[in-house]
Amino acid sequence: MAKKNFLAGFVSIDDAQAAEQALNEAGFTITQVDQISPYPGEGPQQVMNPLTGNIPSLGYLTLDAEFNSKSAAILAATDVSASGMSDGDGMMPEVNQGVLLTAVVPADQAEQAEQIIKQYGGNI
């Protein structure tokens, strides 16, 4: 049987999980929700005081990222998200999507799955 893959971006993990639940209830069992980021690592795992100077980089502190080279950390710090001078207000929601819903569905039921994903705010 032919299959169709969907990769749908969501702004909120709650919306993605609700869409996944609706897909599962409709009989689509191959689904997965993940948080994604353009930056590596998980960032700080404990509260820290930046005034002490004990931070690896601005990107580590503000972007929740762990860099394996000083050059990558410096480059990431140039992102407007790292400076605190931009709150993302006015950004298109499609750009600010950090949650990915993946679904593999039978090709003959792809339209139904697509409607469910879009109903919950997914961007395919």
PDB file of N, CA and C in Angstrom:
ATOM      1  N   MET A   1       0.836  -1.173   0.000  1.00  0.00           N
ATOM      2  CA  MET A   1       0.000   0.000   0.000  1.00  0.00           C
ATOM      3  C   MET A   1       0.887   1.244   0.000  1.00  0.00           C
ATOM      4  N   ALA A   2       0.564   2.207  -0.830  1.00  0.00           N
ATOM      5  CA  ALA A   2       1.338   3.443  -0.920  1.00  0.00           C
ATOM      6  C   ALA A   2       1.107   4.301   0.324  1.00  0.00           C
ATOM      7  N   LYS A   3       2.162   4.994   0.740  1.00  0.00           N
ATOM      8  CA  LYS A   3       2.101   5.850   1.931  1.00  0.00           C
ATOM      9  C   LYS A   3       2.428   7.287   1.542  1.00  0.00           C
ATOM     10  N   LYS A   4       1.969   8.215   2.359  1.00  0.00           N
ATOM     11  CA  LYS A   4       2.304   9.621   2.177  1.00  0.00           C
ATOM     12  C   LYS A   4       2.819  10.145   3.512  1.00  0.00           C
ATOM     13  N   ASN A   5       3.874  10.944   3.449  1.00  0.00           N
ATOM     14  CA  ASN A   5       4.491  11.510   4.649  1.00  0.00           C
ATOM     15  C   ASN A   5       4.087  12.964   4.812  1.00  0.00           C
ATOM     16  N   PHE A   6       3.813  13.362   6.046  1.00  0.00           N
ATOM     17  CA  PHE A   6       3.532  14.757   6.360  1.00  0.00           C
ATOM     18  C   PHE A   6       4.531  15.239   7.398  1.00  0.00           C
ATOM     19  N   LEU A   7       5.106  16.408   7.154  1.00  0.00           N
ATOM     20  CA  LEU A   7       5.919  17.120   8.128  1.00  0.00           C
ATOM     21  C   LEU A   7       5.213  18.449   8.341  1.00  0.00           C
ATOM     22  N   ALA A   8       4.646  18.644   9.531  1.00  0.00           N
ATOM     23  CA  ALA A   8       3.857  19.843   9.801  1.00  0.00           C
ATOM     24  C   ALA A   8       4.471  20.621  10.954  1.00  0.00           C
ATOM     25  N   GLY A   9       4.667  21.920  10.737  1.00  0.00           N
ATOM     26  CA  GLY A   9       5.190  22.793  11.777  1.00  0.00           C
ATOM     27  C   GLY A   9       4.065  23.378  12.610  1.00  0.00           C
ATOM     28  N   PHE A  10       4.308  23.492  13.912  1.00  0.00           N
ATOM     29  CA  PHE A  10       3.352  24.083  14.842  1.00  0.00           C
ATOM     30  C   PHE A  10       4.064  25.107  15.711  1.00  0.00           C
ATOM     31  N   VAL A  11       3.338  26.128  16.136  1.00  0.00           N
ATOM     32  CA  VAL A  11       3.885  27.126  17.045  1.00  0.00           C
ATOM     33  C   VAL A  11       3.889  26.576  18.469  1.00  0.00           C
ATOM     34  N   SER A  12       2.868  25.804  18.819  1.00  0.00           N
ATOM     35  CA  SER A  12       2.698  25.312  20.185  1.00  0.00           C
ATOM     36  C   SER A  12       2.755  23.788  20.225  1.00  0.00           C
ATOM     37  N   ILE A  13       3.420  23.259  21.232  1.00  0.00           N
ATOM     38  CA  ILE A  13       3.474  21.802  21.381  1.00  0.00           C
ATOM     39  C   ILE A  13       2.102  21.248  21.740  1.00  0.00           C
ATOM     40  N   ASP A  14       1.295  22.040  22.440  1.00  0.00           N
ATOM     41  CA  ASP A  14      -0.059  21.588  22.794  1.00  0.00           C
ATOM     42  C   ASP A  14      -0.908  21.362  21.549  1.00  0.00           C
ATOM     43  N   ASP A  15      -0.808  22.285  20.585  1.00  0.00           N
ATOM     44  CA  ASP A  15      -1.559  22.130  19.334  1.00  0.00           C
ATOM     45  C   ASP A  15      -1.086  20.898  18.562  1.00  0.00           C
ATOM     46  N   ALA A  16       0.223  20.687  18.533  1.00  0.00           N
ATOM     47  CA  ALA A  16       0.772  19.530  17.816  1.00  0.00           C
ATOM     48  C   ALA A  16       0.333  18.225  18.471  1.00  0.00           C
ATOM     49  N   GLN A  17       0.334  18.192  19.793  1.00  0.00           N
ATOM     50  CA  GLN A  17      -0.091  16.976  20.490  1.00  0.00           C
ATOM     51  C   GLN A  17      -1.587  16.729  20.310  1.00  0.00           C
ATOM     52  N   ALA A  18      -2.382  17.806  20.262  1.00  0.00           N
ATOM     53  CA  ALA A  18      -3.820  17.650  20.010  1.00  0.00           C
ATOM     54  C   ALA A  18      -4.052  17.104  18.605  1.00  0.00           C
ATOM     55  N   ALA A  19      -3.290  17.601  17.636  1.00  0.00           N
ATOM     56  CA  ALA A  19      -3.402  17.097  16.263  1.00  0.00           C
ATOM     57  C   ALA A  19      -2.980  15.631  16.199  1.00  0.00           C
ATOM     58  N   GLU A  20      -1.909  15.288  16.908  1.00  0.00           N
ATOM     59  CA  GLU A  20      -1.457  13.894  16.935  1.00  0.00           C
ATOM     60  C   GLU A  20      -2.540  12.997  17.535  1.00  0.00           C
ATOM     61  N   GLN A  21      -3.168  13.453  18.612  1.00  0.00           N
ATOM     62  CA  GLN A  21      -4.238  12.673  19.243  1.00  0.00           C
ATOM     63  C   GLN A  21      -5.405  12.483  18.274  1.00  0.00           C
ATOM     64  N   ALA A  22      -5.783  13.557  17.556  1.00  0.00           N
ATOM     65  CA  ALA A  22      -6.877  13.464  16.586  1.00  0.00           C
ATOM     66  C   ALA A  22      -6.521  12.503  15.448  1.00  0.00           C
ATOM     67  N   LEU A  23      -5.273  12.546  15.004  1.00  0.00           N
ATOM     68  CA  LEU A  23      -4.831  11.613  13.962  1.00  0.00           C
ATOM     69  C   LEU A  23      -4.906  10.169  14.459  1.00  0.00           C
ATOM     70  N   ASN A  24      -4.462   9.954  15.687  1.00  0.00           N
ATOM     71  CA  ASN A  24      -4.508   8.601  16.257  1.00  0.00           C
ATOM     72  C   ASN A  24      -5.948   8.107  16.383  1.00  0.00           C
ATOM     73  N   GLU A  25      -6.849   8.999  16.810  1.00  0.00           N
ATOM     74  CA  GLU A  25      -8.259   8.623  16.935  1.00  0.00           C
ATOM     75  C   GLU A  25      -8.883   8.314  15.576  1.00  0.00           C
ATOM     76  N   ALA A  26      -8.351   8.941  14.517  1.00  0.00           N
ATOM     77  CA  ALA A  26      -8.851   8.690  13.163  1.00  0.00           C
ATOM     78  C   ALA A  26      -8.230   7.428  12.550  1.00  0.00           C
ATOM     79  N   GLY A  27      -7.335   6.777  13.299  1.00  0.00           N
ATOM     80  CA  GLY A  27      -6.756   5.529  12.819  1.00  0.00           C
ATOM     81  C   GLY A  27      -5.356   5.642  12.243  1.00  0.00           C
ATOM     82  N   PHE A  28      -4.768   6.824  12.293  1.00  0.00           N
ATOM     83  CA  PHE A  28      -3.397   7.012  11.801  1.00  0.00           C
ATOM     84  C   PHE A  28      -2.451   6.801  12.985  1.00  0.00           C
ATOM     85  N   THR A  29      -1.707   5.723  12.959  1.00  0.00           N
ATOM     86  CA  THR A  29      -0.912   5.350  14.132  1.00  0.00           C
ATOM     87  C   THR A  29       0.566   5.726  14.048  1.00  0.00           C
ATOM     88  N   ILE A  30       1.056   6.016  12.868  1.00  0.00           N
ATOM     89  CA  ILE A  30       2.477   6.349  12.731  1.00  0.00           C
ATOM     90  C   ILE A  30       2.612   7.867  12.800  1.00  0.00           C
ATOM     91  N   THR A  31       2.748   8.375  14.030  1.00  0.00           N
ATOM     92  CA  THR A  31       2.863   9.819  14.259  1.00  0.00           C
ATOM     93  C   THR A  31       3.928  10.073  15.318  1.00  0.00           C
ATOM     94  N   GLN A  32       4.489  11.271  15.280  1.00  0.00           N
ATOM     95  CA  GLN A  32       5.505  11.645  16.261  1.00  0.00           C
ATOM     96  C   GLN A  32       5.552  13.161  16.366  1.00  0.00           C
ATOM     97  N   VAL A  33       5.689  13.681  17.589  1.00  0.00           N
ATOM     98  CA  VAL A  33       5.823  15.117  17.828  1.00  0.00           C
ATOM     99  C   VAL A  33       7.195  15.364  18.447  1.00  0.00           C
ATOM    100  N   ASP A  34       7.932  16.333  17.889  1.00  0.00           N
ATOM    101  CA  ASP A  34       9.260  16.680  18.394  1.00  0.00           C
ATOM    102  C   ASP A  34       9.408  18.187  18.454  1.00  0.00           C
ATOM    103  N   GLN A  35      10.183  18.655  19.436  1.00  0.00           N
ATOM    104  CA  GLN A  35      10.569  20.058  19.451  1.00  0.00           C
ATOM    105  C   GLN A  35      11.873  20.171  18.672  1.00  0.00           C
ATOM    106  N   ILE A  36      11.950  21.186  17.813  1.00  0.00           N
ATOM    107  CA  ILE A  36      13.129  21.359  16.974  1.00  0.00           C
ATOM    108  C   ILE A  36      13.705  22.753  17.181  1.00  0.00           C
ATOM    109  N   SER A  37      14.979  22.897  16.886  1.00  0.00           N
ATOM    110  CA  SER A  37      15.663  24.171  17.035  1.00  0.00           C
ATOM    111  C   SER A  37      16.795  24.241  16.016  1.00  0.00           C
ATOM    112  N   PRO A  38      17.097  25.434  15.539  1.00  0.00           N
ATOM    113  CA  PRO A  38      18.236  25.554  14.626  1.00  0.00           C
ATOM    114  C   PRO A  38      19.575  25.494  15.353  1.00  0.00           C
ATOM    115  N   TYR A  39      19.535  25.423  16.694  1.00  0.00           N
ATOM    116  CA  TYR A  39      20.760  25.436  17.480  1.00  0.00           C
ATOM    117  C   TYR A  39      20.961  24.091  18.169  1.00  0.00           C
ATOM    118  N   PRO A  40      22.214  23.642  18.316  1.00  0.00           N
ATOM    119  CA  PRO A  40      22.484  22.331  18.913  1.00  0.00           C
ATOM    120  C   PRO A  40      22.382  22.346  20.439  1.00  0.00           C
ATOM    121  N   GLY A  41      22.158  21.181  21.010  1.00  0.00           N
ATOM    122  CA  GLY A  41      22.193  21.025  22.457  1.00  0.00           C
ATOM    123  C   GLY A  41      20.904  21.421  23.148  1.00  0.00           C
ATOM    124  N   GLU A  42      20.943  21.295  24.468  1.00  0.00           N
ATOM    125  CA  GLU A  42      19.769  21.597  25.273  1.00  0.00           C
ATOM    126  C   GLU A  42      19.942  22.839  26.118  1.00  0.00           C
ATOM    127  N   GLY A  43      21.101  23.460  26.090  1.00  0.00           N
ATOM    128  CA  GLY A  43      21.313  24.685  26.842  1.00  0.00           C
ATOM    129  C   GLY A  43      21.464  24.451  28.332  1.00  0.00           C
ATOM    130  N   PRO A  44      21.346  25.533  29.101  1.00  0.00           N
ATOM    131  CA  PRO A  44      21.569  25.438  30.550  1.00  0.00           C
ATOM    132  C   PRO A  44      20.573  24.498  31.221  1.00  0.00           C
ATOM    133  N   GLN A  45      21.075  23.664  32.096  1.00  0.00           N
ATOM    134  CA  GLN A  45      20.227  22.744  32.848  1.00  0.00           C
ATOM    135  C   GLN A  45      20.038  23.215  34.285  1.00  0.00           C
ATOM    136  N   GLN A  46      20.616  24.354  34.622  1.00  0.00           N
ATOM    137  CA  GLN A  46      20.487  24.893  35.973  1.00  0.00           C
ATOM    138  C   GLN A  46      20.418  26.411  35.900  1.00  0.00           C
ATOM    139  N   VAL A  47      19.895  27.010  36.950  1.00  0.00           N
ATOM    140  CA  VAL A  47      19.822  28.469  37.015  1.00  0.00           C
ATOM    141  C   VAL A  47      21.233  28.999  37.214  1.00  0.00           C
ATOM    142  N   MET A  48      21.572  30.045  36.466  1.00  0.00           N
ATOM    143  CA  MET A  48      22.911  30.613  36.601  1.00  0.00           C
ATOM    144  C   MET A  48      22.823  32.135  36.622  1.00  0.00           C
ATOM    145  N   ASN A  49      23.810  32.747  37.212  1.00  0.00           N
ATOM    146  CA  ASN A  49      23.884  34.194  37.297  1.00  0.00           C
ATOM    147  C   ASN A  49      24.900  34.677  36.267  1.00  0.00           C
ATOM    148  N   PRO A  50      24.453  35.359  35.208  1.00  0.00           N
ATOM    149  CA  PRO A  50      25.399  35.798  34.178  1.00  0.00           C
ATOM    150  C   PRO A  50      26.405  36.834  34.679  1.00  0.00           C
ATOM    151  N   LEU A  51      26.118  37.472  35.813  1.00  0.00           N
ATOM    152  CA  LEU A  51      27.049  38.467  36.344  1.00  0.00           C
ATOM    153  C   LEU A  51      28.349  37.842  36.829  1.00  0.00           C
ATOM    154  N   THR A  52      28.333  36.545  37.112  1.00  0.00           N
ATOM    155  CA  THR A  52      29.552  35.874  37.567  1.00  0.00           C
ATOM    156  C   THR A  52      30.543  35.673  36.431  1.00  0.00           C
ATOM    157  N   GLY A  53      30.049  35.718  35.197  1.00  0.00           N
ATOM    158  CA  GLY A  53      30.914  35.506  34.045  1.00  0.00           C
ATOM    159  C   GLY A  53      31.123  34.051  33.703  1.00  0.00           C
ATOM    160  N   ASN A  54      30.480  33.152  34.420  1.00  0.00           N
ATOM    161  CA  ASN A  54      30.657  31.717  34.188  1.00  0.00           C
ATOM    162  C   ASN A  54      29.654  31.187  33.171  1.00  0.00           C
ATOM    163  N   ILE A  55      29.639  31.767  32.000  1.00  0.00           N
ATOM    164  CA  ILE A  55      28.784  31.270  30.922  1.00  0.00           C
ATOM    165  C   ILE A  55      29.661  31.034  29.696  1.00  0.00           C
ATOM    166  N   PRO A  56      29.434  29.944  28.981  1.00  0.00           N
ATOM    167  CA  PRO A  56      30.265  29.645  27.813  1.00  0.00           C
ATOM    168  C   PRO A  56      30.092  30.643  26.671  1.00  0.00           C
ATOM    169  N   SER A  57      28.848  31.130  26.478  1.00  0.00           N
ATOM    170  CA  SER A  57      28.603  32.071  25.387  1.00  0.00           C
ATOM    171  C   SER A  57      27.222  32.688  25.553  1.00  0.00           C
ATOM    172  N   LEU A  58      26.985  33.773  24.838  1.00  0.00           N
ATOM    173  CA  LEU A  58      25.669  34.408  24.849  1.00  0.00           C
ATOM    174  C   LEU A  58      24.623  33.464  24.274  1.00  0.00           C
ATOM    175  N   GLY A  59      24.985  32.723  23.233  1.00  0.00           N
ATOM    176  CA  GLY A  59      24.064  31.764  22.634  1.00  0.00           C
ATOM    177  C   GLY A  59      23.663  30.667  23.602  1.00  0.00           C
ATOM    178  N   TYR A  60      24.588  30.235  24.439  1.00  0.00           N
ATOM    179  CA  TYR A  60      24.288  29.216  25.448  1.00  0.00           C
ATOM    180  C   TYR A  60      23.247  29.743  26.427  1.00  0.00           C
ATOM    181  N   LEU A  61      23.411  30.999  26.819  1.00  0.00           N
ATOM    182  CA  LEU A  61      22.536  31.594  27.826  1.00  0.00           C
ATOM    183  C   LEU A  61      21.165  31.954  27.269  1.00  0.00           C
ATOM    184  N   THR A  62      21.111  32.531  26.079  1.00  0.00           N
ATOM    185  CA  THR A  62      19.843  33.069  25.570  1.00  0.00           C
ATOM    186  C   THR A  62      19.148  32.195  24.540  1.00  0.00           C
ATOM    187  N   LEU A  63      19.871  31.319  23.864  1.00  0.00           N
ATOM    188  CA  LEU A  63      19.270  30.492  22.814  1.00  0.00           C
ATOM    189  C   LEU A  63      19.111  29.033  23.238  1.00  0.00           C
ATOM    190  N   ASP A  64      19.467  28.710  24.488  1.00  0.00           N
ATOM    191  CA  ASP A  64      19.413  27.325  24.972  1.00  0.00           C
ATOM    192  C   ASP A  64      20.191  26.394  24.049  1.00  0.00           C
ATOM    193  N   ALA A  65      21.416  26.768  23.743  1.00  0.00           N
ATOM    194  CA  ALA A  65      22.216  25.996  22.798  1.00  0.00           C
ATOM    195  C   ALA A  65      23.597  25.704  23.379  1.00  0.00           C
ATOM    196  N   GLU A  66      24.177  24.610  22.914  1.00  0.00           N
ATOM    197  CA  GLU A  66      25.535  24.236  23.297  1.00  0.00           C
ATOM    198  C   GLU A  66      26.373  24.149  22.024  1.00  0.00           C
ATOM    199  N   PHE A  67      27.422  24.935  21.955  1.00  0.00           N
ATOM    200  CA  PHE A  67      28.245  24.986  20.752  1.00  0.00           C
ATOM    201  C   PHE A  67      29.581  24.309  21.012  1.00  0.00           C
ATOM    202  N   ASN A  68      30.077  23.577  20.006  1.00  0.00           N
ATOM    203  CA  ASN A  68      31.347  22.879  20.171  1.00  0.00           C
ATOM    204  C   ASN A  68      32.523  23.682  19.638  1.00  0.00           C
ATOM    205  N   SER A  69      32.263  24.882  19.124  1.00  0.00           N
ATOM    206  CA  SER A  69      33.370  25.735  18.693  1.00  0.00           C
ATOM    207  C   SER A  69      33.058  27.188  19.040  1.00  0.00           C
ATOM    208  N   LYS A  70      34.105  27.924  19.310  1.00  0.00           N
ATOM    209  CA  LYS A  70      33.941  29.334  19.664  1.00  0.00           C
ATOM    210  C   LYS A  70      33.355  30.119  18.488  1.00  0.00           C
ATOM    211  N   SER A  71      33.752  29.774  17.283  1.00  0.00           N
ATOM    212  CA  SER A  71      33.244  30.468  16.093  1.00  0.00           C
ATOM    213  C   SER A  71      31.737  30.296  15.942  1.00  0.00           C
ATOM    214  N   ALA A  72      31.242  29.092  16.173  1.00  0.00           N
ATOM    215  CA  ALA A  72      29.798  28.848  16.070  1.00  0.00           C
ATOM    216  C   ALA A  72      29.043  29.628  17.133  1.00  0.00           C
ATOM    217  N   ALA A  73      29.597  29.706  18.339  1.00  0.00           N
ATOM    218  CA  ALA A  73      28.956  30.454  19.421  1.00  0.00           C
ATOM    219  C   ALA A  73      28.899  31.941  19.093  1.00  0.00           C
ATOM    220  N   ILE A  74      29.967  32.473  18.525  1.00  0.00           N
ATOM    221  CA  ILE A  74      29.996  33.891  18.150  1.00  0.00           C
ATOM    222  C   ILE A  74      28.988  34.170  17.047  1.00  0.00           C
ATOM    223  N   LEU A  75      28.932  33.303  16.055  1.00  0.00           N
ATOM    224  CA  LEU A  75      27.983  33.482  14.960  1.00  0.00           C
ATOM    225  C   LEU A  75      26.542  33.435  15.473  1.00  0.00           C
ATOM    226  N   ALA A  76      26.232  32.507  16.360  1.00  0.00           N
ATOM    227  CA  ALA A  76      24.872  32.399  16.898  1.00  0.00           C
ATOM    228  C   ALA A  76      24.499  33.633  17.709  1.00  0.00           C
ATOM    229  N   ALA A  77      25.466  34.254  18.362  1.00  0.00           N
ATOM    230  CA  ALA A  77      25.191  35.443  19.166  1.00  0.00           C
ATOM    231  C   ALA A  77      24.769  36.634  18.309  1.00  0.00           C
ATOM    232  N   THR A  78      25.002  36.564  17.003  1.00  0.00           N
ATOM    233  CA  THR A  78      24.572  37.655  16.125  1.00  0.00           C
ATOM    234  C   THR A  78      23.090  37.568  15.783  1.00  0.00           C
ATOM    235  N   ASP A  79      22.457  36.455  16.103  1.00  0.00           N
ATOM    236  CA  ASP A  79      21.021  36.291  15.868  1.00  0.00           C
ATOM    237  C   ASP A  79      20.261  37.294  16.736  1.00  0.00           C
ATOM    238  N   VAL A  80      19.242  37.935  16.178  1.00  0.00           N
ATOM    239  CA  VAL A  80      18.476  38.922  16.949  1.00  0.00           C
ATOM    240  C   VAL A  80      17.802  38.290  18.162  1.00  0.00           C
ATOM    241  N   SER A  81      17.566  37.003  18.133  1.00  0.00           N
ATOM    242  CA  SER A  81      16.956  36.327  19.279  1.00  0.00           C
ATOM    243  C   SER A  81      17.909  36.283  20.468  1.00  0.00           C
ATOM    244  N   ALA A  82      19.199  36.334  20.227  1.00  0.00           N
ATOM    245  CA  ALA A  82      20.182  36.252  21.303  1.00  0.00           C
ATOM    246  C   ALA A  82      20.364  37.581  22.018  1.00  0.00           C
ATOM    247  N   SER A  83      20.162  38.686  21.320  1.00  0.00           N
ATOM    248  CA  SER A  83      20.470  39.990  21.896  1.00  0.00           C
ATOM    249  C   SER A  83      19.435  40.483  22.889  1.00  0.00           C
ATOM    250  N   GLY A  84      18.212  40.005  22.784  1.00  0.00           N
ATOM    251  CA  GLY A  84      17.153  40.520  23.641  1.00  0.00           C
ATOM    252  C   GLY A  84      16.541  41.795  23.101  1.00  0.00           C
ATOM    253  N   MET A  85      17.017  42.253  21.956  1.00  0.00           N
ATOM    254  CA  MET A  85      16.497  43.485  21.363  1.00  0.00           C
ATOM    255  C   MET A  85      15.281  43.216  20.488  1.00  0.00           C
ATOM    256  N   SER A  86      14.911  41.966  20.333  1.00  0.00           N
ATOM    257  CA  SER A  86      13.755  41.611  19.524  1.00  0.00           C
ATOM    258  C   SER A  86      12.964  40.541  20.253  1.00  0.00           C
ATOM    259  N   ASP A  87      11.650  40.757  20.353  1.00  0.00           N
ATOM    260  CA  ASP A  87      10.818  39.757  21.019  1.00  0.00           C
ATOM    261  C   ASP A  87      10.065  38.896  20.023  1.00  0.00           C
ATOM    262  N   GLY A  88      10.313  39.090  18.738  1.00  0.00           N
ATOM    263  CA  GLY A  88       9.632  38.300  17.724  1.00  0.00           C
ATOM    264  C   GLY A  88       8.267  38.841  17.369  1.00  0.00           C
ATOM    265  N   ASP A  89       7.853  39.948  17.997  1.00  0.00           N
ATOM    266  CA  ASP A  89       6.549  40.522  17.707  1.00  0.00           C
ATOM    267  C   ASP A  89       6.492  40.928  16.242  1.00  0.00           C
ATOM    268  N   GLY A  90       5.439  40.541  15.594  1.00  0.00           N
ATOM    269  CA  GLY A  90       5.283  40.866  14.186  1.00  0.00           C
ATOM    270  C   GLY A  90       5.829  39.803  13.261  1.00  0.00           C
ATOM    271  N   MET A  91       6.499  38.786  13.816  1.00  0.00           N
ATOM    272  CA  MET A  91       7.003  37.709  12.968  1.00  0.00           C
ATOM    273  C   MET A  91       5.845  36.850  12.499  1.00  0.00           C
ATOM    274  N   MET A  92       5.954  36.359  11.311  1.00  0.00           N
ATOM    275  CA  MET A  92       4.931  35.458  10.808  1.00  0.00           C
ATOM    276  C   MET A  92       4.989  34.168  11.617  1.00  0.00           C
ATOM    277  N   PRO A  93       3.832  33.620  12.024  1.00  0.00           N
ATOM    278  CA  PRO A  93       3.854  32.385  12.812  1.00  0.00           C
ATOM    279  C   PRO A  93       4.575  31.243  12.105  1.00  0.00           C
ATOM    280  N   GLU A  94       4.540  31.219  10.765  1.00  0.00           N
ATOM    281  CA  GLU A  94       5.192  30.135  10.034  1.00  0.00           C
ATOM    282  C   GLU A  94       6.695  30.131  10.272  1.00  0.00           C
ATOM    283  N   VAL A  95       7.253  31.310  10.564  1.00  0.00           N
ATOM    284  CA  VAL A  95       8.692  31.421  10.761  1.00  0.00           C
ATOM    285  C   VAL A  95       9.080  30.960  12.161  1.00  0.00           C
ATOM    286  N   ASN A  96       8.187  31.150  13.114  1.00  0.00           N
ATOM    287  CA  ASN A  96       8.487  30.901  14.520  1.00  0.00           C
ATOM    288  C   ASN A  96       7.907  29.571  14.991  1.00  0.00           C
ATOM    289  N   GLN A  97       8.119  28.518  14.238  1.00  0.00           N
ATOM    290  CA  GLN A  97       7.565  27.214  14.587  1.00  0.00           C
ATOM    291  C   GLN A  97       8.670  26.292  15.068  1.00  0.00           C
ATOM    292  N   GLY A  98       8.578  25.901  16.336  1.00  0.00           N
ATOM    293  CA  GLY A  98       9.600  25.045  16.908  1.00  0.00           C
ATOM    294  C   GLY A  98       9.121  23.655  17.240  1.00  0.00           C
ATOM    295  N   VAL A  99       7.959  23.270  16.706  1.00  0.00           N
ATOM    296  CA  VAL A  99       7.410  21.945  16.977  1.00  0.00           C
ATOM    297  C   VAL A  99       7.094  21.278  15.644  1.00  0.00           C
ATOM    298  N   LEU A 100       7.518  20.039  15.494  1.00  0.00           N
ATOM    299  CA  LEU A 100       7.321  19.299  14.252  1.00  0.00           C
ATOM    300  C   LEU A 100       6.476  18.057  14.507  1.00  0.00           C
ATOM    301  N   LEU A 101       5.382  17.936  13.755  1.00  0.00           N
ATOM    302  CA  LEU A 101       4.557  16.728  13.767  1.00  0.00           C
ATOM    303  C   LEU A 101       4.868  15.948  12.501  1.00  0.00           C
ATOM    304  N   THR A 102       5.261  14.704  12.664  1.00  0.00           N
ATOM    305  CA  THR A 102       5.524  13.815  11.535  1.00  0.00           C
ATOM    306  C   THR A 102       4.448  12.742  11.518  1.00  0.00           C
ATOM    307  N   ALA A 103       3.858  12.511  10.349  1.00  0.00           N
ATOM    308  CA  ALA A 103       2.828  11.479  10.216  1.00  0.00           C
ATOM    309  C   ALA A 103       3.027  10.733   8.908  1.00  0.00           C
ATOM    310  N   VAL A 104       2.887   9.421   8.960  1.00  0.00           N
ATOM    311  CA  VAL A 104       2.930   8.576   7.766  1.00  0.00           C
ATOM    312  C   VAL A 104       1.554   7.941   7.650  1.00  0.00           C
ATOM    313  N   VAL A 105       0.880   8.224   6.527  1.00  0.00           N
ATOM    314  CA  VAL A 105      -0.513   7.785   6.364  1.00  0.00           C
ATOM    315  C   VAL A 105      -0.678   7.074   5.026  1.00  0.00           C
ATOM    316  N   PRO A 106      -1.713   6.236   4.905  1.00  0.00           N
ATOM    317  CA  PRO A 106      -1.998   5.634   3.597  1.00  0.00           C
ATOM    318  C   PRO A 106      -2.323   6.729   2.578  1.00  0.00           C
ATOM    319  N   ALA A 107      -1.826   6.576   1.367  1.00  0.00           N
ATOM    320  CA  ALA A 107      -1.998   7.606   0.335  1.00  0.00           C
ATOM    321  C   ALA A 107      -3.465   7.907   0.058  1.00  0.00           C
ATOM    322  N   ASP A 108      -4.327   6.893   0.138  1.00  0.00           N
ATOM    323  CA  ASP A 108      -5.738   7.128  -0.167  1.00  0.00           C
ATOM    324  C   ASP A 108      -6.479   7.864   0.956  1.00  0.00           C
ATOM    325  N   GLN A 109      -5.829   8.053   2.116  1.00  0.00           N
ATOM    326  CA  GLN A 109      -6.432   8.791   3.221  1.00  0.00           C
ATOM    327  C   GLN A 109      -5.654  10.066   3.551  1.00  0.00           C
ATOM    328  N   ALA A 110      -4.759  10.461   2.667  1.00  0.00           N
ATOM    329  CA  ALA A 110      -3.898  11.613   2.917  1.00  0.00           C
ATOM    330  C   ALA A 110      -4.684  12.907   3.068  1.00  0.00           C
ATOM    331  N   GLU A 111      -5.739  13.069   2.291  1.00  0.00           N
ATOM    332  CA  GLU A 111      -6.525  14.302   2.368  1.00  0.00           C
ATOM    333  C   GLU A 111      -7.172  14.455   3.748  1.00  0.00           C
ATOM    334  N   GLN A 112      -7.665  13.366   4.296  1.00  0.00           N
ATOM    335  CA  GLN A 112      -8.273  13.401   5.628  1.00  0.00           C
ATOM    336  C   GLN A 112      -7.230  13.787   6.683  1.00  0.00           C
ATOM    337  N   ALA A 113      -6.057  13.195   6.606  1.00  0.00           N
ATOM    338  CA  ALA A 113      -4.989  13.508   7.556  1.00  0.00           C
ATOM    339  C   ALA A 113      -4.564  14.967   7.429  1.00  0.00           C
ATOM    340  N   GLU A 114      -4.466  15.459   6.202  1.00  0.00           N
ATOM    341  CA  GLU A 114      -4.087  16.855   5.978  1.00  0.00           C
ATOM    342  C   GLU A 114      -5.110  17.804   6.596  1.00  0.00           C
ATOM    343  N   GLN A 115      -6.387  17.499   6.454  1.00  0.00           N
ATOM    344  CA  GLN A 115      -7.435  18.338   7.041  1.00  0.00           C
ATOM    345  C   GLN A 115      -7.337  18.367   8.563  1.00  0.00           C
ATOM    346  N   ILE A 116      -7.056  17.230   9.166  1.00  0.00           N
ATOM    347  CA  ILE A 116      -6.916  17.173  10.622  1.00  0.00           C
ATOM    348  C   ILE A 116      -5.742  18.030  11.075  1.00  0.00           C
ATOM    349  N   ILE A 117      -4.618  17.899  10.400  1.00  0.00           N
ATOM    350  CA  ILE A 117      -3.423  18.670  10.767  1.00  0.00           C
ATOM    351  C   ILE A 117      -3.694  20.164  10.648  1.00  0.00           C
ATOM    352  N   LYS A 118      -4.301  20.588   9.554  1.00  0.00           N
ATOM    353  CA  LYS A 118      -4.587  22.013   9.351  1.00  0.00           C
ATOM    354  C   LYS A 118      -5.629  22.532  10.338  1.00  0.00           C
ATOM    355  N   GLN A 119      -6.555  21.670  10.739  1.00  0.00           N
ATOM    356  CA  GLN A 119      -7.591  22.055  11.704  1.00  0.00           C
ATOM    357  C   GLN A 119      -6.965  22.490  13.034  1.00  0.00           C
ATOM    358  N   TYR A 120      -5.839  21.910  13.375  1.00  0.00           N
ATOM    359  CA  TYR A 120      -5.161  22.230  14.634  1.00  0.00           C
ATOM    360  C   TYR A 120      -4.041  23.264  14.456  1.00  0.00           C
ATOM    361  N   GLY A 121      -3.974  23.882  13.301  1.00  0.00           N
ATOM    362  CA  GLY A 121      -3.006  24.953  13.083  1.00  0.00           C
ATOM    363  C   GLY A 121      -1.678  24.519  12.509  1.00  0.00           C
ATOM    364  N   GLY A 122      -1.604  23.320  11.980  1.00  0.00           N
ATOM    365  CA  GLY A 122      -0.353  22.835  11.402  1.00  0.00           C
ATOM    366  C   GLY A 122      -0.064  23.473  10.060  1.00  0.00           C
ATOM    367  N   ASN A 123       1.197  23.735   9.811  1.00  0.00           N
ATOM    368  CA  ASN A 123       1.647  24.308   8.548  1.00  0.00           C
ATOM    369  C   ASN A 123       2.406  23.222   7.794  1.00  0.00           C
ATOM    370  N   ILE A 124       1.773  22.711   6.734  1.00  0.00           N
ATOM    371  CA  ILE A 124       2.356  21.600   5.980  1.00  0.00           C
ATOM    372  C   ILE A 124       3.226  22.139   4.857  1.00  0.00           C
TER     373      ILE A 124
END
